[in-house]
Protein backbone atom coordinates (compact mmCIF):
# COMPACT_ATOMS: atom_id res chain seq x y z
CA UNK A 1 -84.97 79.10 41.55
CA UNK A 2 -83.86 77.06 44.17
CA UNK A 3 -83.91 74.15 42.40
CA UNK A 4 -82.27 75.10 39.03
CA UNK A 5 -79.42 75.91 41.41
CA UNK A 6 -78.99 72.99 43.45
CA UNK A 7 -79.37 71.28 40.19
CA UNK A 8 -76.63 72.88 38.41
CA UNK A 9 -74.62 72.38 41.37
CA UNK A 10 -75.26 68.69 41.48
CA UNK A 11 -74.87 67.88 37.72
CA UNK A 12 -71.60 69.98 37.48
CA UNK A 13 -70.18 68.40 40.73
CA UNK A 14 -70.56 65.10 39.33
CA UNK A 15 -69.35 65.83 36.08
CA UNK A 16 -66.29 67.62 37.11
CA UNK A 17 -65.26 64.94 39.49
CA UNK A 18 -65.32 62.51 37.03
CA UNK A 19 -63.25 64.34 34.62
CA UNK A 20 -60.99 65.43 37.22
CA UNK A 21 -60.71 61.41 38.27
CA UNK A 22 -59.65 60.67 34.59
CA UNK A 23 -56.84 63.29 34.88
CA UNK A 24 -54.24 60.77 35.76
CA UNK A 25 -55.41 58.43 32.66
CA UNK A 26 -54.10 61.27 29.99
CA UNK A 27 -50.62 60.26 30.77
CA UNK A 28 -51.14 56.63 29.93
CA UNK A 29 -49.89 55.41 26.60
CA UNK A 30 -52.94 52.67 26.83
CA UNK A 31 -55.62 54.63 28.29
CA UNK A 32 -54.82 58.42 26.94
CA UNK A 33 -57.53 58.37 24.24
CA UNK A 34 -60.49 56.71 26.11
CA UNK A 35 -59.62 59.51 29.04
CA UNK A 36 -59.73 62.52 26.36
CA UNK A 37 -62.85 60.71 24.74
CA UNK A 38 -64.55 59.99 27.93
CA UNK A 39 -63.61 63.85 29.33
CA UNK A 40 -65.01 65.29 25.98
CA UNK A 41 -67.74 63.52 26.08
CA UNK A 42 -68.98 64.09 29.61
CA UNK A 43 -68.29 68.04 28.99
CA UNK A 44 -70.39 68.36 26.01
CA UNK A 45 -73.27 65.99 27.74
CA UNK A 46 -73.22 68.36 30.90
CA UNK A 47 -73.41 71.35 28.64
CA UNK A 48 -76.33 69.90 26.76
CA UNK A 49 -78.21 68.89 29.96
CA UNK A 50 -77.69 72.39 31.78
CA UNK A 51 -77.94 75.10 28.61
CA UNK A 52 -79.75 72.89 25.70
CA UNK A 53 -82.16 70.88 27.48
CA UNK A 54 -84.04 73.29 29.60
CA UNK A 55 -84.21 76.36 26.41
CA UNK A 56 -85.60 73.52 24.43
CA UNK A 57 -88.12 72.68 26.98
CA UNK A 58 -89.25 76.16 27.24
CA UNK A 59 -89.29 76.67 23.39
CA UNK A 60 -91.64 73.48 23.11
CA UNK A 61 -93.86 73.91 26.09
CA UNK A 62 -94.04 77.66 25.63
CA UNK A 63 -93.14 78.26 29.34
CA UNK A 64 -94.50 81.60 30.59
CA UNK A 65 -91.84 84.12 32.45
CA UNK A 66 -92.54 84.62 35.86
CA UNK A 67 -93.33 88.57 35.68
CA UNK A 68 -96.25 87.23 33.24
CA UNK A 69 -97.70 84.50 35.10
CA UNK A 70 -99.57 83.82 37.81
CA UNK A 71 -97.30 84.98 40.59
CA UNK A 72 -98.11 88.81 39.26
CA UNK A 73 -101.87 88.37 39.06
CA UNK A 74 -101.45 87.76 34.85
CA UNK A 75 -103.33 84.88 33.54
CA UNK A 76 -101.69 81.65 32.18
CA UNK A 77 -101.76 80.71 28.76
CA UNK A 78 -102.70 77.33 27.38
CA UNK A 79 -100.10 75.20 26.08
CA UNK A 80 -102.50 73.66 23.37
CA UNK A 81 -105.57 75.49 21.30
CA UNK A 82 -108.59 73.85 21.05
CA UNK A 83 -111.39 72.72 23.52
CA UNK A 84 -110.01 74.93 26.47
CA UNK A 85 -112.27 75.44 29.04
CA UNK A 86 -111.12 77.90 32.20
CA UNK A 87 -111.85 76.84 35.62
CA UNK A 88 -114.01 79.29 37.58
């Protein structure tokens, strides 16, 4: 859990500082459209990075919640079907 908190903090701080740095360009006639495009694209990409990618990873790799995994004595489930030979 601490790793996810530090990841969210780093990614969001980097994106936020870049978006705030582009705010003065919003009022420029020549660079206004570019600033809007970069700010919106960065906000969208940050949302994908922090929300959609971890959810897709959990779905595709069938991540087991911590309550059912090794932490509480449960058996881990294999990520594939077929020739799975348990150790021990």
